[in-house]
All heavy atoms as atom14 arrays in JSON, in Angstrom:
{
  "sequence": "VIDIGIGHGKNGVLVREYLDIMSLRYAKKDWIIKLIGIEGFEGYRNP",
  "atom14_mask": [
    [1, 1, 1, 1, 1, 1, 1, 0, 0, 0, 0, 0, 0, 0],
    [1, 1, 1, 1, 1, 1, 1, 1, 0, 0, 0, 0, 0, 0],
    [1, 1, 1, 1, 1, 1, 1, 1, 0, 0, 0, 0, 0, 0],
    [1, 1, 1, 1, 1, 1, 1, 1, 0, 0, 0, 0, 0, 0],
    [1, 1, 1, 1, 0, 0, 0, 0, 0, 0, 0, 0, 0, 0],
    [1, 1, 1, 1, 1, 1, 1, 1, 0, 0, 0, 0, 0, 0],
    [1, 1, 1, 1, 0, 0, 0, 0, 0, 0, 0, 0, 0, 0],
    [1, 1, 1, 1, 1, 1, 1, 1, 1, 1, 0, 0, 0, 0],
    [1, 1, 1, 1, 0, 0, 0, 0, 0, 0, 0, 0, 0, 0],
    [1, 1, 1, 1, 1, 1, 1, 1, 1, 0, 0, 0, 0, 0],
    [1, 1, 1, 1, 1, 1, 1, 1, 0, 0, 0, 0, 0, 0],
    [1, 1, 1, 1, 0, 0, 0, 0, 0, 0, 0, 0, 0, 0],
    [1, 1, 1, 1, 1, 1, 1, 0, 0, 0, 0, 0, 0, 0],
    [1, 1, 1, 1, 1, 1, 1, 1, 0, 0, 0, 0, 0, 0],
    [1, 1, 1, 1, 1, 1, 1, 0, 0, 0, 0, 0, 0, 0],
    [1, 1, 1, 1, 1, 1, 1, 1, 1, 1, 1, 0, 0, 0],
    [1, 1, 1, 1, 1, 1, 1, 1, 1, 0, 0, 0, 0, 0],
    [1, 1, 1, 1, 1, 1, 1, 1, 1, 1, 1, 1, 0, 0],
    [1, 1, 1, 1, 1, 1, 1, 1, 0, 0, 0, 0, 0, 0],
    [1, 1, 1, 1, 1, 1, 1, 1, 0, 0, 0, 0, 0, 0],
    [1, 1, 1, 1, 1, 1, 1, 1, 0, 0, 0, 0, 0, 0],
    [1, 1, 1, 1, 1, 1, 1, 1, 0, 0, 0, 0, 0, 0],
    [1, 1, 1, 1, 1, 1, 0, 0, 0, 0, 0, 0, 0, 0],
    [1, 1, 1, 1, 1, 1, 1, 1, 0, 0, 0, 0, 0, 0],
    [1, 1, 1, 1, 1, 1, 1, 1, 1, 1, 1, 0, 0, 0],
    [1, 1, 1, 1, 1, 1, 1, 1, 1, 1, 1, 1, 0, 0],
    [1, 1, 1, 1, 1, 0, 0, 0, 0, 0, 0, 0, 0, 0],
    [1, 1, 1, 1, 1, 1, 1, 1, 1, 0, 0, 0, 0, 0],
    [1, 1, 1, 1, 1, 1, 1, 1, 1, 0, 0, 0, 0, 0],
    [1, 1, 1, 1, 1, 1, 1, 1, 0, 0, 0, 0, 0, 0],
    [1, 1, 1, 1, 1, 1, 1, 1, 1, 1, 1, 1, 1, 1],
    [1, 1, 1, 1, 1, 1, 1, 1, 0, 0, 0, 0, 0, 0],
    [1, 1, 1, 1, 1, 1, 1, 1, 0, 0, 0, 0, 0, 0],
    [1, 1, 1, 1, 1, 1, 1, 1, 1, 0, 0, 0, 0, 0],
    [1, 1, 1, 1, 1, 1, 1, 1, 0, 0, 0, 0, 0, 0],
    [1, 1, 1, 1, 1, 1, 1, 1, 0, 0, 0, 0, 0, 0],
    [1, 1, 1, 1, 0, 0, 0, 0, 0, 0, 0, 0, 0, 0],
    [1, 1, 1, 1, 1, 1, 1, 1, 0, 0, 0, 0, 0, 0],
    [1, 1, 1, 1, 1, 1, 1, 1, 1, 0, 0, 0, 0, 0],
    [1, 1, 1, 1, 0, 0, 0, 0, 0, 0, 0, 0, 0, 0],
    [1, 1, 1, 1, 1, 1, 1, 1, 1, 1, 1, 0, 0, 0],
    [1, 1, 1, 1, 1, 1, 1, 1, 1, 0, 0, 0, 0, 0],
    [1, 1, 1, 1, 0, 0, 0, 0, 0, 0, 0, 0, 0, 0],
    [1, 1, 1, 1, 1, 1, 1, 1, 1, 1, 1, 1, 0, 0],
    [1, 1, 1, 1, 1, 1, 1, 1, 1, 1, 1, 0, 0, 0],
    [1, 1, 1, 1, 1, 1, 1, 1, 0, 0, 0, 0, 0, 0],
    [1, 1, 1, 1, 1, 1, 1, 0, 0, 0, 0, 0, 0, 0]
  ],
  "atom14_positions": [
    [[5.36, 174.16, -104.0], [5.69, 173.85, -105.39], [5.19, 174.98, -106.29], [4.08, 175.49, -106.11], [5.02, 172.52, -105.84], [5.38, 172.21, -107.29], [5.43, 171.37, -104.93], [0.0, 0.0, 0.0], [0.0, 0.0, 0.0], [0.0, 0.0, 0.0], [0.0, 0.0, 0.0], [0.0, 0.0, 0.0], [0.0, 0.0, 0.0], [0.0, 0.0, 0.0]],
    [[6.01, 175.35, -107.27], [5.57, 176.22, -108.36], [5.61, 175.39, -109.64], [6.62, 174.77, -109.96], [6.47, 177.46, -108.51], [6.34, 178.36, -107.28], [6.1, 178.25, -109.78], [7.3, 179.54, -107.26], [0.0, 0.0, 0.0], [0.0, 0.0, 0.0], [0.0, 0.0, 0.0], [0.0, 0.0, 0.0], [0.0, 0.0, 0.0], [0.0, 0.0, 0.0]],
    [[4.5, 175.4, -110.38], [4.37, 174.68, -111.63], [4.35, 175.71, -112.76], [3.4, 176.5, -112.87], [3.07, 173.86, -111.61], [2.84, 173.05, -112.86], [3.72, 173.0, -113.74], [1.75, 172.44, -112.97], [0.0, 0.0, 0.0], [0.0, 0.0, 0.0], [0.0, 0.0, 0.0], [0.0, 0.0, 0.0], [0.0, 0.0, 0.0], [0.0, 0.0, 0.0]],
    [[5.4, 175.74, -113.58], [5.51, 176.73, -114.65], [4.94, 176.15, -115.94], [5.36, 175.08, -116.38], [6.98, 177.16, -114.87], [7.54, 177.8, -113.6], [7.08, 178.13, -116.05], [9.01, 178.18, -113.71], [0.0, 0.0, 0.0], [0.0, 0.0, 0.0], [0.0, 0.0, 0.0], [0.0, 0.0, 0.0], [0.0, 0.0, 0.0], [0.0, 0.0, 0.0]],
    [[4.01, 176.89, -116.55], [3.4, 176.43, -117.78], [2.41, 175.31, -117.53], [2.55, 174.2, -118.06], [0.0, 0.0, 0.0], [0.0, 0.0, 0.0], [0.0, 0.0, 0.0], [0.0, 0.0, 0.0], [0.0, 0.0, 0.0], [0.0, 0.0, 0.0], [0.0, 0.0, 0.0], [0.0, 0.0, 0.0], [0.0, 0.0, 0.0], [0.0, 0.0, 0.0]],
    [[1.37, 175.59, -116.75], [0.51, 174.51, -116.27], [-0.41, 173.94, -117.34], [-0.9, 172.81, -117.2], [-0.33, 174.96, -115.05], [-1.37, 176.03, -115.45], [0.56, 175.46, -113.94], [-2.3, 176.43, -114.33], [0.0, 0.0, 0.0], [0.0, 0.0, 0.0], [0.0, 0.0, 0.0], [0.0, 0.0, 0.0], [0.0, 0.0, 0.0], [0.0, 0.0, 0.0]],
    [[-0.68, 174.69, -118.41], [-1.54, 174.17, -119.46], [-2.9, 173.76, -118.93], [-3.59, 174.53, -118.26], [0.0, 0.0, 0.0], [0.0, 0.0, 0.0], [0.0, 0.0, 0.0], [0.0, 0.0, 0.0], [0.0, 0.0, 0.0], [0.0, 0.0, 0.0], [0.0, 0.0, 0.0], [0.0, 0.0, 0.0], [0.0, 0.0, 0.0], [0.0, 0.0, 0.0]],
    [[-3.27, 172.51, -119.19], [-4.58, 172.01, -118.76], [-4.66, 171.84, -117.24], [-5.74, 171.9, -116.66], [-4.86, 170.68, -119.46], [-6.26, 170.18, -119.28], [-7.36, 170.89, -119.7], [-6.73, 169.04, -118.7], [-8.46, 170.19, -119.41], [-8.11, 169.1, -118.8], [0.0, 0.0, 0.0], [0.0, 0.0, 0.0], [0.0, 0.0, 0.0], [0.0, 0.0, 0.0]],
    [[-3.51, 171.6, -116.6], [-3.49, 171.47, -115.14], [-3.26, 170.06, -114.63], [-3.34, 169.81, -113.43], [0.0, 0.0, 0.0], [0.0, 0.0, 0.0], [0.0, 0.0, 0.0], [0.0, 0.0, 0.0], [0.0, 0.0, 0.0], [0.0, 0.0, 0.0], [0.0, 0.0, 0.0], [0.0, 0.0, 0.0], [0.0, 0.0, 0.0], [0.0, 0.0, 0.0]],
    [[-2.92, 169.14, -115.53], [-2.73, 167.73, -115.14], [-1.67, 167.57, -114.05], [-1.88, 166.83, -113.07], [-2.34, 166.93, -116.37], [-1.83, 165.52, -116.1], [-1.39, 164.85, -117.38], [-0.22, 165.58, -118.0], [0.11, 165.07, -119.35], [0.0, 0.0, 0.0], [0.0, 0.0, 0.0], [0.0, 0.0, 0.0], [0.0, 0.0, 0.0], [0.0, 0.0, 0.0]],
    [[-0.54, 168.25, -114.21], [0.54, 168.06, -113.24], [0.15, 168.58, -111.86], [0.56, 168.01, -110.85], [1.82, 168.75, -113.72], [2.43, 168.04, -114.92], [2.36, 166.83, -115.02], [3.0, 168.81, -115.83], [0.0, 0.0, 0.0], [0.0, 0.0, 0.0], [0.0, 0.0, 0.0], [0.0, 0.0, 0.0], [0.0, 0.0, 0.0], [0.0, 0.0, 0.0]],
    [[-0.65, 169.62, -111.82], [-1.14, 170.11, -110.53], [-2.02, 169.08, -109.83], [-1.91, 168.87, -108.62], [0.0, 0.0, 0.0], [0.0, 0.0, 0.0], [0.0, 0.0, 0.0], [0.0, 0.0, 0.0], [0.0, 0.0, 0.0], [0.0, 0.0, 0.0], [0.0, 0.0, 0.0], [0.0, 0.0, 0.0], [0.0, 0.0, 0.0], [0.0, 0.0, 0.0]],
    [[-2.88, 168.43, -110.6], [-3.74, 167.39, -110.03], [-2.89, 166.24, -109.49], [-3.15, 165.72, -108.39], [-4.74, 166.88, -111.09], [-5.52, 165.67, -110.55], [-5.71, 167.99, -111.49], [0.0, 0.0, 0.0], [0.0, 0.0, 0.0], [0.0, 0.0, 0.0], [0.0, 0.0, 0.0], [0.0, 0.0, 0.0], [0.0, 0.0, 0.0], [0.0, 0.0, 0.0]],
    [[-1.86, 165.85, -110.23], [-1.01, 164.74, -109.79], [-0.16, 165.12, -108.59], [0.09, 164.28, -107.71], [-0.14, 164.26, -110.95], [-0.9, 163.58, -112.09], [0.04, 163.25, -113.25], [-1.6, 162.32, -111.6], [0.0, 0.0, 0.0], [0.0, 0.0, 0.0], [0.0, 0.0, 0.0], [0.0, 0.0, 0.0], [0.0, 0.0, 0.0], [0.0, 0.0, 0.0]],
    [[0.29, 166.37, -108.52], [0.99, 166.83, -107.32], [0.07, 166.69, -106.11], [0.48, 166.19, -105.06], [1.46, 168.29, -107.49], [1.85, 168.89, -106.13], [2.63, 168.38, -108.45], [0.0, 0.0, 0.0], [0.0, 0.0, 0.0], [0.0, 0.0, 0.0], [0.0, 0.0, 0.0], [0.0, 0.0, 0.0], [0.0, 0.0, 0.0], [0.0, 0.0, 0.0]],
    [[-1.17, 167.11, -106.25], [-2.13, 166.97, -105.14], [-2.34, 165.5, -104.77], [-2.36, 165.14, -103.58], [-3.48, 167.57, -105.54], [-3.53, 169.06, -105.51], [-3.35, 169.6, -104.11], [-3.31, 171.06, -104.15], [-2.73, 171.79, -103.23], [-2.11, 171.24, -102.21], [-2.74, 173.11, -103.32], [0.0, 0.0, 0.0], [0.0, 0.0, 0.0], [0.0, 0.0, 0.0]],
    [[-2.48, 164.66, -105.78], [-2.75, 163.24, -105.5], [-1.6, 162.6, -104.74], [-1.82, 161.88, -103.75], [-3.01, 162.49, -106.8], [-3.29, 161.01, -106.57], [-3.78, 160.29, -107.81], [-4.08, 160.98, -108.81], [-3.88, 159.06, -107.77], [0.0, 0.0, 0.0], [0.0, 0.0, 0.0], [0.0, 0.0, 0.0], [0.0, 0.0, 0.0], [0.0, 0.0, 0.0]],
    [[-0.37, 162.83, -105.18], [0.77, 162.11, -104.62], [1.35, 162.77, -103.37], [2.04, 162.09, -102.59], [1.86, 161.94, -105.67], [1.4, 161.06, -106.8], [1.48, 161.47, -108.12], [0.84, 159.8, -106.55], [1.04, 160.67, -109.16], [0.39, 158.99, -107.58], [0.49, 159.42, -108.88], [0.05, 158.62, -109.9], [0.0, 0.0, 0.0], [0.0, 0.0, 0.0]],
    [[1.09, 164.05, -103.15], [1.64, 164.71, -101.98], [0.62, 164.98, -100.89], [0.98, 165.05, -99.7], [2.31, 166.04, -102.38], [3.52, 165.92, -103.31], [4.12, 167.29, -103.58], [4.58, 164.99, -102.74], [0.0, 0.0, 0.0], [0.0, 0.0, 0.0], [0.0, 0.0, 0.0], [0.0, 0.0, 0.0], [0.0, 0.0, 0.0], [0.0, 0.0, 0.0]],
    [[-0.65, 165.16, -101.25], [-1.68, 165.38, -100.24], [-2.59, 164.16, -100.08], [-2.7, 163.59, -99.0], [-2.52, 166.62, -100.6], [-1.99, 167.9, -99.98], [-1.57, 167.87, -98.8], [-1.97, 168.93, -100.66], [0.0, 0.0, 0.0], [0.0, 0.0, 0.0], [0.0, 0.0, 0.0], [0.0, 0.0, 0.0], [0.0, 0.0, 0.0], [0.0, 0.0, 0.0]],
    [[-3.23, 163.76, -101.16], [-4.24, 162.7, -101.06], [-3.6, 161.37, -100.65], [-4.15, 160.62, -99.83], [-5.01, 162.58, -102.38], [-5.82, 163.86, -102.61], [-5.94, 161.36, -102.37], [-6.5, 163.97, -103.95], [0.0, 0.0, 0.0], [0.0, 0.0, 0.0], [0.0, 0.0, 0.0], [0.0, 0.0, 0.0], [0.0, 0.0, 0.0], [0.0, 0.0, 0.0]],
    [[-2.41, 161.06, -101.18], [-1.74, 159.83, -100.79], [-1.35, 159.84, -99.32], [-1.14, 158.78, -98.71], [-0.52, 159.59, -101.67], [0.11, 158.21, -101.51], [1.37, 157.86, -102.76], [0.32, 157.34, -104.12], [0.0, 0.0, 0.0], [0.0, 0.0, 0.0], [0.0, 0.0, 0.0], [0.0, 0.0, 0.0], [0.0, 0.0, 0.0], [0.0, 0.0, 0.0]],
    [[-1.27, 161.02, -98.73], [-0.99, 161.15, -97.3], [-2.28, 161.27, -96.48], [-2.27, 161.81, -95.37], [-0.09, 162.36, -97.05], [1.17, 162.19, -97.68], [0.0, 0.0, 0.0], [0.0, 0.0, 0.0], [0.0, 0.0, 0.0], [0.0, 0.0, 0.0], [0.0, 0.0, 0.0], [0.0, 0.0, 0.0], [0.0, 0.0, 0.0], [0.0, 0.0, 0.0]],
    [[-3.38, 160.81, -97.07], [-4.69, 160.72, -96.41], [-5.32, 162.08, -96.14], [-6.14, 162.23, -95.24], [-4.59, 159.92, -95.1], [-4.02, 158.5, -95.24], [-3.99, 157.81, -93.9], [-4.81, 157.68, -96.26], [0.0, 0.0, 0.0], [0.0, 0.0, 0.0], [0.0, 0.0, 0.0], [0.0, 0.0, 0.0], [0.0, 0.0, 0.0], [0.0, 0.0, 0.0]],
    [[-4.94, 163.07, -96.95], [-5.59, 164.38, -96.87], [-6.46, 164.55, -98.12], [-6.07, 165.22, -99.07], [-4.55, 165.5, -96.77], [-3.69, 165.42, -95.51], [-2.76, 166.6, -95.38], [-1.71, 166.58, -96.39], [-0.52, 166.0, -96.25], [-0.23, 165.37, -95.12], [0.37, 166.04, -97.21], [0.0, 0.0, 0.0], [0.0, 0.0, 0.0], [0.0, 0.0, 0.0]],
    [[-7.62, 163.9, -98.11], [-8.46, 163.89, -99.32], [-9.27, 165.18, -99.46], [-9.42, 165.7, -100.56], [-9.41, 162.68, -99.29], [-10.14, 162.48, -100.6], [-9.49, 161.91, -101.68], [-11.45, 162.9, -100.76], [-10.14, 161.74, -102.89], [-12.11, 162.74, -101.96], [-11.46, 162.16, -103.03], [-12.09, 162.01, -104.22], [0.0, 0.0, 0.0], [0.0, 0.0, 0.0]],
    [[-9.79, 165.66, -98.35], [-10.6, 166.88, -98.4], [-9.71, 168.09, -98.66], [-8.63, 168.23, -98.08], [-11.36, 167.06, -97.09], [0.0, 0.0, 0.0], [0.0, 0.0, 0.0], [0.0, 0.0, 0.0], [0.0, 0.0, 0.0], [0.0, 0.0, 0.0], [0.0, 0.0, 0.0], [0.0, 0.0, 0.0], [0.0, 0.0, 0.0], [0.0, 0.0, 0.0]],
    [[-10.18, 168.96, -99.52], [-9.38, 170.13, -99.89], [-9.01, 170.98, -98.68], [-7.92, 171.56, -98.62], [-10.15, 170.96, -100.92], [-9.34, 172.01, -101.64], [-10.1, 172.6, -102.82], [-9.24, 173.6, -103.58], [-9.92, 174.13, -104.79], [0.0, 0.0, 0.0], [0.0, 0.0, 0.0], [0.0, 0.0, 0.0], [0.0, 0.0, 0.0], [0.0, 0.0, 0.0]],
    [[-9.88, 171.04, -97.7], [-9.61, 171.84, -96.5], [-8.44, 171.29, -95.69], [-7.86, 172.0, -94.85], [-10.86, 171.9, -95.61], [-11.3, 170.57, -95.04], [-12.54, 170.7, -94.17], [-13.02, 169.36, -93.65], [-12.01, 168.68, -92.79], [0.0, 0.0, 0.0], [0.0, 0.0, 0.0], [0.0, 0.0, 0.0], [0.0, 0.0, 0.0], [0.0, 0.0, 0.0]],
    [[-8.06, 170.03, -95.94], [-6.96, 169.4, -95.2], [-5.63, 169.46, -95.94], [-4.61, 169.06, -95.39], [-7.3, 167.93, -94.9], [-8.5, 167.79, -93.98], [-8.69, 168.66, -93.12], [-9.26, 166.81, -94.14], [0.0, 0.0, 0.0], [0.0, 0.0, 0.0], [0.0, 0.0, 0.0], [0.0, 0.0, 0.0], [0.0, 0.0, 0.0], [0.0, 0.0, 0.0]],
    [[-5.62, 169.93, -97.17], [-4.39, 169.97, -97.95], [-3.37, 170.9, -97.3], [-3.71, 171.98, -96.8], [-4.66, 170.44, -99.37], [-5.46, 169.47, -100.2], [-5.77, 168.2, -99.88], [-6.04, 169.73, -101.48], [-6.51, 167.62, -100.88], [-6.69, 168.53, -101.87], [-6.08, 170.84, -102.32], [-7.37, 168.44, -103.08], [-6.75, 170.74, -103.53], [-7.38, 169.55, -103.9]],
    [[-2.1, 170.49, -97.31], [-1.05, 171.31, -96.7], [0.0, 171.75, -97.72], [0.82, 172.63, -97.42], [-0.36, 170.58, -95.54], [0.4, 169.34, -96.03], [-1.37, 170.2, -94.45], [1.28, 168.71, -94.97], [0.0, 0.0, 0.0], [0.0, 0.0, 0.0], [0.0, 0.0, 0.0], [0.0, 0.0, 0.0], [0.0, 0.0, 0.0], [0.0, 0.0, 0.0]],
    [[0.01, 171.16, -98.9], [0.99, 171.54, -99.91], [0.58, 172.86, -100.56], [-0.55, 173.0, -101.02], [1.12, 170.45, -101.0], [1.42, 169.09, -100.36], [2.2, 170.83, -102.01], [2.65, 169.04, -99.5], [0.0, 0.0, 0.0], [0.0, 0.0, 0.0], [0.0, 0.0, 0.0], [0.0, 0.0, 0.0], [0.0, 0.0, 0.0], [0.0, 0.0, 0.0]],
    [[1.5, 173.82, -100.58], [1.24, 175.08, -101.27], [1.64, 174.91, -102.72], [2.81, 174.67, -103.04], [2.02, 176.22, -100.63], [1.72, 177.58, -101.26], [2.45, 178.71, -100.55], [2.08, 180.05, -101.16], [2.78, 181.16, -100.49], [0.0, 0.0, 0.0], [0.0, 0.0, 0.0], [0.0, 0.0, 0.0], [0.0, 0.0, 0.0], [0.0, 0.0, 0.0]],
    [[0.68, 175.04, -103.62], [0.89, 174.79, -105.05], [0.45, 176.01, -105.86], [-0.72, 176.37, -105.87], [0.11, 173.55, -105.48], [0.15, 173.18, -106.96], [1.57, 172.96, -107.44], [-0.7, 171.94, -107.2], [0.0, 0.0, 0.0], [0.0, 0.0, 0.0], [0.0, 0.0, 0.0], [0.0, 0.0, 0.0], [0.0, 0.0, 0.0], [0.0, 0.0, 0.0]],
    [[1.41, 176.64, -106.51], [1.14, 177.83, -107.32], [1.43, 177.5, -108.78], [2.47, 176.92, -109.1], [1.99, 179.02, -106.87], [1.64, 179.4, -105.43], [1.8, 180.22, -107.8], [2.51, 180.49, -104.85], [0.0, 0.0, 0.0], [0.0, 0.0, 0.0], [0.0, 0.0, 0.0], [0.0, 0.0, 0.0], [0.0, 0.0, 0.0], [0.0, 0.0, 0.0]],
    [[0.51, 177.86, -109.66], [0.7, 177.64, -111.08], [0.96, 178.95, -111.81], [0.43, 180.0, -111.43], [0.0, 0.0, 0.0], [0.0, 0.0, 0.0], [0.0, 0.0, 0.0], [0.0, 0.0, 0.0], [0.0, 0.0, 0.0], [0.0, 0.0, 0.0], [0.0, 0.0, 0.0], [0.0, 0.0, 0.0], [0.0, 0.0, 0.0], [0.0, 0.0, 0.0]],
    [[1.78, 178.86, -112.85], [2.04, 180.0, -113.74], [1.69, 179.58, -115.16], [2.15, 178.52, -115.61], [3.5, 180.46, -113.67], [3.88, 180.93, -112.26], [3.76, 181.58, -114.68], [5.36, 181.24, -112.1], [0.0, 0.0, 0.0], [0.0, 0.0, 0.0], [0.0, 0.0, 0.0], [0.0, 0.0, 0.0], [0.0, 0.0, 0.0], [0.0, 0.0, 0.0]],
    [[0.89, 180.37, -115.83], [0.49, 180.06, -117.21], [0.38, 181.36, -118.0], [-0.18, 182.34, -117.51], [-0.85, 179.31, -117.23], [-1.44, 179.06, -118.6], [-0.49, 178.33, -119.53], [0.03, 177.26, -119.15], [-0.27, 178.84, -120.65], [0.0, 0.0, 0.0], [0.0, 0.0, 0.0], [0.0, 0.0, 0.0], [0.0, 0.0, 0.0], [0.0, 0.0, 0.0]],
    [[0.92, 181.35, -119.2], [0.91, 182.55, -120.01], [-0.33, 182.77, -120.84], [-0.53, 183.85, -121.41], [0.0, 0.0, 0.0], [0.0, 0.0, 0.0], [0.0, 0.0, 0.0], [0.0, 0.0, 0.0], [0.0, 0.0, 0.0], [0.0, 0.0, 0.0], [0.0, 0.0, 0.0], [0.0, 0.0, 0.0], [0.0, 0.0, 0.0], [0.0, 0.0, 0.0]],
    [[-1.21, 181.74, -120.9], [-2.35, 181.79, -121.83], [-3.66, 181.59, -121.09], [-3.96, 180.49, -120.61], [-2.17, 180.72, -122.9], [-3.19, 180.78, -124.01], [-3.34, 181.91, -124.78], [-3.97, 179.67, -124.3], [-4.27, 181.96, -125.82], [-4.9, 179.7, -125.33], [-5.05, 180.85, -126.09], [0.0, 0.0, 0.0], [0.0, 0.0, 0.0], [0.0, 0.0, 0.0]],
    [[-4.44, 182.64, -120.98], [-5.72, 182.6, -120.26], [-6.69, 181.6, -120.87], [-7.54, 181.03, -120.18], [-6.33, 184.0, -120.25], [-7.72, 184.1, -119.65], [-7.76, 183.83, -118.15], [-6.75, 184.13, -117.47], [-8.79, 183.32, -117.67], [0.0, 0.0, 0.0], [0.0, 0.0, 0.0], [0.0, 0.0, 0.0], [0.0, 0.0, 0.0], [0.0, 0.0, 0.0]],
    [[-6.56, 181.34, -122.15], [-7.49, 180.44, -122.83], [-7.46, 179.0, -122.34], [-8.38, 178.23, -122.65], [0.0, 0.0, 0.0], [0.0, 0.0, 0.0], [0.0, 0.0, 0.0], [0.0, 0.0, 0.0], [0.0, 0.0, 0.0], [0.0, 0.0, 0.0], [0.0, 0.0, 0.0], [0.0, 0.0, 0.0], [0.0, 0.0, 0.0], [0.0, 0.0, 0.0]],
    [[-6.45, 178.64, -121.58], [-6.39, 177.27, -121.03], [-7.11, 177.13, -119.69], [-7.17, 176.04, -119.14], [-4.93, 176.83, -120.86], [-4.18, 176.6, -122.15], [-2.79, 176.67, -122.18], [-4.85, 176.32, -123.34], [-2.09, 176.46, -123.36], [-4.16, 176.12, -124.52], [-2.77, 176.2, -124.53], [-2.08, 175.98, -125.69], [0.0, 0.0, 0.0], [0.0, 0.0, 0.0]],
    [[-7.63, 178.23, -119.18], [-8.3, 178.17, -117.87], [-9.44, 177.16, -117.9], [-10.25, 177.13, -118.82], [-8.82, 179.53, -117.47], [-9.47, 179.56, -116.07], [-9.93, 180.95, -115.68], [-8.82, 181.86, -115.52], [-8.11, 181.96, -114.38], [-8.4, 181.19, -113.34], [-7.11, 182.82, -114.3], [0.0, 0.0, 0.0], [0.0, 0.0, 0.0], [0.0, 0.0, 0.0]],
    [[-9.51, 176.33, -116.86], [-10.56, 175.31, -116.75], [-10.72, 174.94, -115.28], [-9.91, 175.38, -114.44], [-10.22, 174.09, -117.61], [-9.06, 173.28, -117.05], [-9.23, 172.44, -116.19], [-7.83, 173.58, -117.54], [0.0, 0.0, 0.0], [0.0, 0.0, 0.0], [0.0, 0.0, 0.0], [0.0, 0.0, 0.0], [0.0, 0.0, 0.0], [0.0, 0.0, 0.0]],
    [[-11.72, 174.14, -114.91], [-11.98, 173.86, -113.49], [-10.82, 173.2, -112.75], [-10.75, 173.31, -111.51], [-13.21, 172.94, -113.53], [-13.93, 173.34, -114.78], [-12.84, 173.65, -115.77], [0.0, 0.0, 0.0], [0.0, 0.0, 0.0], [0.0, 0.0, 0.0], [0.0, 0.0, 0.0], [0.0, 0.0, 0.0], [0.0, 0.0, 0.0], [0.0, 0.0, 0.0]]
  ]
}
């Protein structure tokens, strides 16, 4: 998945929840979905 204009990052978190965590891959080391974000504004960077 590529997420264009990620802003705060909410959609990325929900992609992880519904595609990885809902499939019982809770630990980050077990995630299999490749998720790339694109954002034009560095000021929105957060954890």
